[in-house]
Amino acid sequence: MNEILFNSLAALAYGGVGIAVLVVGYLLTDLLTPGKLHQLIWEERNRNAVLLVSANTLGSAVVVTSAILSSDSEIGLGAGLLSTAVYGLIGLAVMALSFLLIDAITPAKIARMISDSEPHPATWVSASAHIAIAVVVAAALT
């Protein structure tokens, strides 16, 4: 019974770390794009913003999941939570860097296209990069 209780509390703790990483990812995406994401998504129903935030959320979840799976149970819960948070933040930083690099090398600014009400294919490029970078970071953890 103690093992069930401990594992339940560990799941809640890892869930909390996951939520924190996802919130930071959302805030970081909001910082990198013009306009306010909550307004673009919930009020204006902007598909470009939805796509980018969805890719960021999925990418963050991939990194966090991989960090949890790669954490050694012998290091303890606290160290596992810390490593999950650190690797999650590294994943977010690399995804943000890829967003900025793609934005720098493309002829039009993807950051501006995100806030455009008309769907733009370049948003898919940035969203795909978020997922791809997350998978690369996740693979590095195994």
C-alpha atoms as a PDB file:
ATOM      1  CA  MET A   1       0.000   0.000   0.000  1.00  0.00           C
ATOM      2  CA  ASN A   2       2.908   2.356   0.729  1.00  0.00           C
ATOM      3  CA  GLU A   3       4.208   1.801  -2.801  1.00  0.00           C
ATOM      4  CA  ILE A   4       0.853   2.768  -4.303  1.00  0.00           C
ATOM      5  CA  LEU A   5       0.751   5.917  -2.186  1.00  0.00           C
ATOM      6  CA  PHE A   6       4.338   6.844  -3.071  1.00  0.00           C
ATOM      7  CA  ASN A   7       3.785   6.219  -6.793  1.00  0.00           C
ATOM      8  CA  SER A   8       0.565   8.231  -6.696  1.00  0.00           C
ATOM      9  CA  LEU A   9       2.340  11.169  -5.095  1.00  0.00           C
ATOM     10  CA  ALA A  10       5.219  10.834  -7.566  1.00  0.00           C
ATOM     11  CA  ALA A  11       2.745  10.890 -10.466  1.00  0.00           C
ATOM     12  CA  LEU A  12       1.174  14.047  -9.063  1.00  0.00           C
ATOM     13  CA  ALA A  13       4.605  15.643  -8.617  1.00  0.00           C
ATOM     14  CA  TYR A  14       5.710  14.756 -12.161  1.00  0.00           C
ATOM     15  CA  GLY A  15       2.356  16.033 -13.413  1.00  0.00           C
ATOM     16  CA  GLY A  16       3.012  19.312 -11.632  1.00  0.00           C
ATOM     17  CA  VAL A  17       6.446  19.607 -13.259  1.00  0.00           C
ATOM     18  CA  GLY A  18       4.884  18.806 -16.628  1.00  0.00           C
ATOM     19  CA  ILE A  19       2.234  21.485 -16.173  1.00  0.00           C
ATOM     20  CA  ALA A  20       4.894  24.015 -15.160  1.00  0.00           C
ATOM     21  CA  VAL A  21       6.969  23.257 -18.276  1.00  0.00           C
ATOM     22  CA  LEU A  22       3.873  23.545 -20.484  1.00  0.00           C
ATOM     23  CA  VAL A  23       2.952  26.901 -18.932  1.00  0.00           C
ATOM     24  CA  VAL A  24       6.498  28.199 -19.446  1.00  0.00           C
ATOM     25  CA  GLY A  25       6.320  26.968 -23.051  1.00  0.00           C
ATOM     26  CA  TYR A  26       3.068  28.838 -23.596  1.00  0.00           C
ATOM     27  CA  LEU A  27       4.494  32.012 -22.077  1.00  0.00           C
ATOM     28  CA  LEU A  28       7.662  31.702 -24.153  1.00  0.00           C
ATOM     29  CA  THR A  29       5.629  31.256 -27.344  1.00  0.00           C
ATOM     30  CA  ASP A  30       3.533  34.268 -26.355  1.00  0.00           C
ATOM     31  CA  LEU A  31       6.725  36.283 -25.868  1.00  0.00           C
ATOM     32  CA  LEU A  32       8.149  35.299 -29.281  1.00  0.00           C
ATOM     33  CA  THR A  33       5.025  36.065 -31.272  1.00  0.00           C
ATOM     34  CA  PRO A  34       3.295  39.396 -31.812  1.00  0.00           C
ATOM     35  CA  GLY A  35      -0.011  39.907 -30.079  1.00  0.00           C
ATOM     36  CA  LYS A  36      -1.348  38.055 -27.097  1.00  0.00           C
ATOM     37  CA  LEU A  37      -1.910  34.355 -27.628  1.00  0.00           C
ATOM     38  CA  HIS A  38      -5.013  34.186 -25.444  1.00  0.00           C
ATOM     39  CA  GLN A  39      -6.617  36.856 -27.617  1.00  0.00           C
ATOM     40  CA  LEU A  40      -5.412  35.331 -30.900  1.00  0.00           C
ATOM     41  CA  ILE A  41      -6.628  31.856 -29.980  1.00  0.00           C
ATOM     42  CA  TRP A  42      -9.770  32.275 -27.882  1.00  0.00           C
ATOM     43  CA  GLU A  43     -11.147  35.546 -29.189  1.00  0.00           C
ATOM     44  CA  GLU A  44      -9.934  35.694 -32.802  1.00  0.00           C
ATOM     45  CA  ARG A  45      -9.792  31.903 -33.333  1.00  0.00           C
ATOM     46  CA  ASN A  46      -6.514  32.326 -35.207  1.00  0.00           C
ATOM     47  CA  ARG A  47      -5.487  28.984 -36.744  1.00  0.00           C
ATOM     48  CA  ASN A  48      -1.833  29.971 -37.109  1.00  0.00           C
ATOM     49  CA  ALA A  49      -1.523  30.674 -33.389  1.00  0.00           C
ATOM     50  CA  VAL A  50      -3.414  27.488 -32.509  1.00  0.00           C
ATOM     51  CA  LEU A  51      -1.078  25.407 -34.664  1.00  0.00           C
ATOM     52  CA  LEU A  52       2.070  26.889 -33.167  1.00  0.00           C
ATOM     53  CA  VAL A  53       0.887  26.570 -29.556  1.00  0.00           C
ATOM     54  CA  SER A  54      -0.331  23.021 -30.190  1.00  0.00           C
ATOM     55  CA  ALA A  55       3.046  22.022 -31.638  1.00  0.00           C
ATOM     56  CA  ASN A  56       4.829  23.646 -28.720  1.00  0.00           C
ATOM     57  CA  THR A  57       2.598  21.840 -26.236  1.00  0.00           C
ATOM     58  CA  LEU A  58       3.087  18.465 -27.929  1.00  0.00           C
ATOM     59  CA  GLY A  59       6.837  19.045 -28.220  1.00  0.00           C
ATOM     60  CA  SER A  60       7.077  19.976 -24.564  1.00  0.00           C
ATOM     61  CA  ALA A  61       5.125  16.866 -23.613  1.00  0.00           C
ATOM     62  CA  VAL A  62       7.483  14.682 -25.676  1.00  0.00           C
ATOM     63  CA  VAL A  63      10.525  16.120 -23.888  1.00  0.00           C
ATOM     64  CA  VAL A  64       8.956  15.890 -20.424  1.00  0.00           C
ATOM     65  CA  THR A  65       7.800  12.321 -21.024  1.00  0.00           C
ATOM     66  CA  SER A  66      11.245  11.292 -22.222  1.00  0.00           C
ATOM     67  CA  ALA A  67      12.851  13.019 -19.233  1.00  0.00           C
ATOM     68  CA  ILE A  68      10.568  11.142 -16.847  1.00  0.00           C
ATOM     69  CA  LEU A  69      11.240   7.804 -18.538  1.00  0.00           C
ATOM     70  CA  SER A  70      14.989   8.361 -18.550  1.00  0.00           C
ATOM     71  CA  SER A  71      15.200   9.445 -14.927  1.00  0.00           C
ATOM     72  CA  ASP A  72      16.789   6.712 -12.878  1.00  0.00           C
ATOM     73  CA  SER A  73      14.536   5.608 -10.036  1.00  0.00           C
ATOM     74  CA  GLU A  74      17.644   5.060  -7.918  1.00  0.00           C
ATOM     75  CA  ILE A  75      18.463   8.787  -7.851  1.00  0.00           C
ATOM     76  CA  GLY A  76      15.296   9.546  -5.938  1.00  0.00           C
ATOM     77  CA  LEU A  77      12.123  11.436  -6.599  1.00  0.00           C
ATOM     78  CA  GLY A  78      13.559  14.897  -5.961  1.00  0.00           C
ATOM     79  CA  ALA A  79      16.433  14.447  -8.392  1.00  0.00           C
ATOM     80  CA  GLY A  80      14.074  12.924 -10.954  1.00  0.00           C
ATOM     81  CA  LEU A  81      11.741  15.905 -10.708  1.00  0.00           C
ATOM     82  CA  LEU A  82      14.651  18.320 -11.002  1.00  0.00           C
ATOM     83  CA  SER A  83      16.100  16.548 -14.042  1.00  0.00           C
ATOM     84  CA  THR A  84      12.665  16.500 -15.679  1.00  0.00           C
ATOM     85  CA  ALA A  85      12.271  20.251 -15.130  1.00  0.00           C
ATOM     86  CA  VAL A  86      15.780  21.010 -16.394  1.00  0.00           C
ATOM     87  CA  TYR A  87      15.424  18.868 -19.517  1.00  0.00           C
ATOM     88  CA  GLY A  88      11.979  20.324 -20.146  1.00  0.00           C
ATOM     89  CA  LEU A  89      13.378  23.843 -20.003  1.00  0.00           C
ATOM     90  CA  ILE A  90      16.258  22.840 -22.288  1.00  0.00           C
ATOM     91  CA  GLY A  91      13.702  21.507 -24.772  1.00  0.00           C
ATOM     92  CA  LEU A  92      11.786  24.791 -24.630  1.00  0.00           C
ATOM     93  CA  ALA A  93      14.964  26.804 -25.125  1.00  0.00           C
ATOM     94  CA  VAL A  94      15.983  24.753 -28.164  1.00  0.00           C
ATOM     95  CA  MET A  95      12.470  25.005 -29.640  1.00  0.00           C
ATOM     96  CA  ALA A  96      12.532  28.791 -29.142  1.00  0.00           C
ATOM     97  CA  LEU A  97      15.962  28.979 -30.772  1.00  0.00           C
ATOM     98  CA  SER A  98      14.745  26.979 -33.769  1.00  0.00           C
ATOM     99  CA  PHE A  99      11.757  29.331 -34.084  1.00  0.00           C
ATOM    100  CA  LEU A 100      14.071  32.354 -34.103  1.00  0.00           C
ATOM    101  CA  LEU A 101      16.496  30.751 -36.568  1.00  0.00           C
ATOM    102  CA  ILE A 102      13.744  29.767 -38.994  1.00  0.00           C
ATOM    103  CA  ASP A 103      12.307  33.251 -38.663  1.00  0.00           C
ATOM    104  CA  ALA A 104      15.741  34.760 -39.425  1.00  0.00           C
ATOM    105  CA  ILE A 105      16.431  32.719 -42.564  1.00  0.00           C
ATOM    106  CA  THR A 106      13.009  32.848 -44.215  1.00  0.00           C
ATOM    107  CA  PRO A 107      12.015  35.706 -46.535  1.00  0.00           C
ATOM    108  CA  ALA A 108       8.924  36.635 -44.528  1.00  0.00           C
ATOM    109  CA  LYS A 109       8.730  36.790 -40.758  1.00  0.00           C
ATOM    110  CA  ILE A 110       6.966  33.746 -39.373  1.00  0.00           C
ATOM    111  CA  ALA A 111       6.425  35.595 -36.114  1.00  0.00           C
ATOM    112  CA  ARG A 112       4.205  38.092 -37.959  1.00  0.00           C
ATOM    113  CA  MET A 113       2.383  35.360 -39.874  1.00  0.00           C
ATOM    114  CA  ILE A 114       1.331  33.752 -36.608  1.00  0.00           C
ATOM    115  CA  SER A 115      -0.865  36.727 -35.805  1.00  0.00           C
ATOM    116  CA  ASP A 116      -2.291  36.935 -39.340  1.00  0.00           C
ATOM    117  CA  SER A 117      -5.906  35.826 -39.520  1.00  0.00           C
ATOM    118  CA  GLU A 118      -5.324  34.073 -42.859  1.00  0.00           C
ATOM    119  CA  PRO A 119      -3.823  30.561 -42.484  1.00  0.00           C
ATOM    120  CA  HIS A 120      -0.251  30.512 -43.749  1.00  0.00           C
ATOM    121  CA  PRO A 121       1.814  27.433 -44.744  1.00  0.00           C
ATOM    122  CA  ALA A 122       4.919  28.862 -43.048  1.00  0.00           C
ATOM    123  CA  THR A 123       3.234  28.241 -39.713  1.00  0.00           C
ATOM    124  CA  TRP A 124       3.452  24.513 -40.476  1.00  0.00           C
ATOM    125  CA  VAL A 125       7.202  24.846 -40.978  1.00  0.00           C
ATOM    126  CA  SER A 126       7.648  26.368 -37.542  1.00  0.00           C
ATOM    127  CA  ALA A 127       5.226  23.925 -35.904  1.00  0.00           C
ATOM    128  CA  SER A 128       7.001  20.963 -37.498  1.00  0.00           C
ATOM    129  CA  ALA A 129      10.342  22.308 -36.281  1.00  0.00           C
ATOM    130  CA  HIS A 130       8.968  22.447 -32.710  1.00  0.00           C
ATOM    131  CA  ILE A 131       8.009  18.779 -32.838  1.00  0.00           C
ATOM    132  CA  ALA A 132      11.223  17.739 -34.609  1.00  0.00           C
ATOM    133  CA  ILE A 133      13.450  19.537 -32.113  1.00  0.00           C
ATOM    134  CA  ALA A 134      11.490  18.048 -29.227  1.00  0.00           C
ATOM    135  CA  VAL A 135      11.999  14.552 -30.624  1.00  0.00           C
ATOM    136  CA  VAL A 136      15.739  15.214 -31.011  1.00  0.00           C
ATOM    137  CA  VAL A 137      16.019  16.447 -27.415  1.00  0.00           C
ATOM    138  CA  ALA A 138      13.944  13.485 -26.221  1.00  0.00           C
ATOM    139  CA  ALA A 139      16.211  11.078 -28.092  1.00  0.00           C
ATOM    140  CA  ALA A 140      19.245  12.658 -26.449  1.00  0.00           C
ATOM    141  CA  LEU A 141      17.795  11.747 -23.062  1.00  0.00           C
ATOM    142  CA  THR A 142      17.640   8.029 -23.741  1.00  0.00           C
END
